[in-house]
Amino acid sequence: MSRRRNQRDRQPLIVSLLSSDSQLFRVSEPVARRSGVISSALEDIGARDPIPLLNVPAAVLKKVGILAPLRLC
């Protein structure tokens, strides 16, 4: 039972997303994996470094933030 409690208490991994205009956003991994592009990037390069979104400006990520809990760094 304590094993289940430990899994439940764990904080989700935070993924950093780098917009095309160099603004950094932080989002939980489960939310980030909702995007096929970001999910593929996580598989390819992992979550240690920020994932560059070369064609996505910060204004778009902020609008997406209304639908998903994004946090600006």
Protein backbone atom coordinates (compact mmCIF):
# COMPACT_ATOMS: atom_id res chain seq x y z
CA MET A 1 0.00 0.00 0.00
CA SER A 2 2.84 2.42 0.71
CA ARG A 3 4.12 1.72 -2.79
CA ARG A 4 0.89 3.06 -4.29
CA ARG A 5 1.02 6.10 -2.07
CA ASN A 6 4.58 6.87 -3.25
CA GLN A 7 3.53 6.66 -6.90
CA ARG A 8 0.54 8.92 -6.25
CA ASP A 9 2.63 11.49 -4.37
CA ARG A 10 5.23 11.85 -7.13
CA GLN A 11 5.23 15.13 -8.98
CA PRO A 12 4.95 14.81 -12.78
CA LEU A 13 8.05 15.52 -14.80
CA ILE A 14 8.23 19.13 -16.02
CA VAL A 15 9.05 19.67 -19.70
CA SER A 16 10.49 22.94 -21.00
CA LEU A 17 9.28 24.26 -24.35
CA LEU A 18 11.24 26.95 -26.19
CA SER A 19 9.17 29.15 -28.49
CA SER A 20 10.45 30.49 -31.80
CA ASP A 21 10.99 33.88 -30.14
CA SER A 22 13.07 32.32 -27.34
CA GLN A 23 10.53 32.37 -24.51
CA LEU A 24 10.64 29.37 -22.21
CA PHE A 25 7.46 27.63 -21.05
CA ARG A 26 7.21 24.83 -18.50
CA VAL A 27 4.48 22.22 -18.64
CA SER A 28 3.89 18.84 -17.03
CA GLU A 29 4.86 15.85 -19.15
CA PRO A 30 1.32 14.41 -19.37
CA VAL A 31 0.06 17.73 -20.75
CA ALA A 32 3.01 18.02 -23.15
CA ARG A 33 2.40 14.51 -24.48
CA ARG A 34 -1.04 15.60 -25.69
CA SER A 35 0.80 17.11 -28.65
CA GLY A 36 2.04 14.54 -31.14
CA VAL A 37 5.00 16.74 -32.13
CA ILE A 38 6.12 17.28 -28.53
CA SER A 39 5.53 13.62 -27.66
CA SER A 40 7.78 12.58 -30.57
CA ALA A 41 10.43 15.09 -29.51
CA LEU A 42 10.37 13.67 -25.97
CA GLU A 43 10.94 10.20 -27.40
CA ASP A 44 13.80 11.44 -29.60
CA ILE A 45 15.67 13.88 -27.36
CA GLY A 46 14.21 13.39 -23.89
CA ALA A 47 13.09 15.99 -21.39
CA ARG A 48 16.42 17.21 -20.04
CA ASP A 49 16.85 20.06 -22.52
CA PRO A 50 14.17 22.50 -23.66
CA ILE A 51 12.25 21.29 -26.70
CA PRO A 52 12.57 23.89 -29.46
CA LEU A 53 9.33 24.74 -31.24
CA LEU A 54 10.82 26.57 -34.20
CA ASN A 55 7.52 27.51 -35.84
CA VAL A 56 5.53 28.35 -32.71
CA PRO A 57 5.78 31.88 -31.26
CA ALA A 58 5.17 32.61 -27.59
CA ALA A 59 1.83 34.26 -28.37
CA VAL A 60 0.51 30.93 -29.66
CA LEU A 61 1.83 29.02 -26.64
CA LYS A 62 0.16 31.55 -24.35
CA LYS A 63 -3.16 31.00 -26.14
CA VAL A 64 -2.71 27.25 -25.81
CA GLY A 65 -2.09 27.92 -22.13
CA ILE A 66 -5.76 28.82 -21.79
CA LEU A 67 -6.62 25.22 -22.70
CA ALA A 68 -3.78 23.52 -20.80
CA PRO A 69 -1.94 24.59 -17.63
CA LEU A 70 1.27 26.13 -19.02
CA ARG A 71 3.54 28.19 -16.78
CA LEU A 72 5.81 30.89 -18.14
CA CYS A 73 9.32 30.77 -16.62
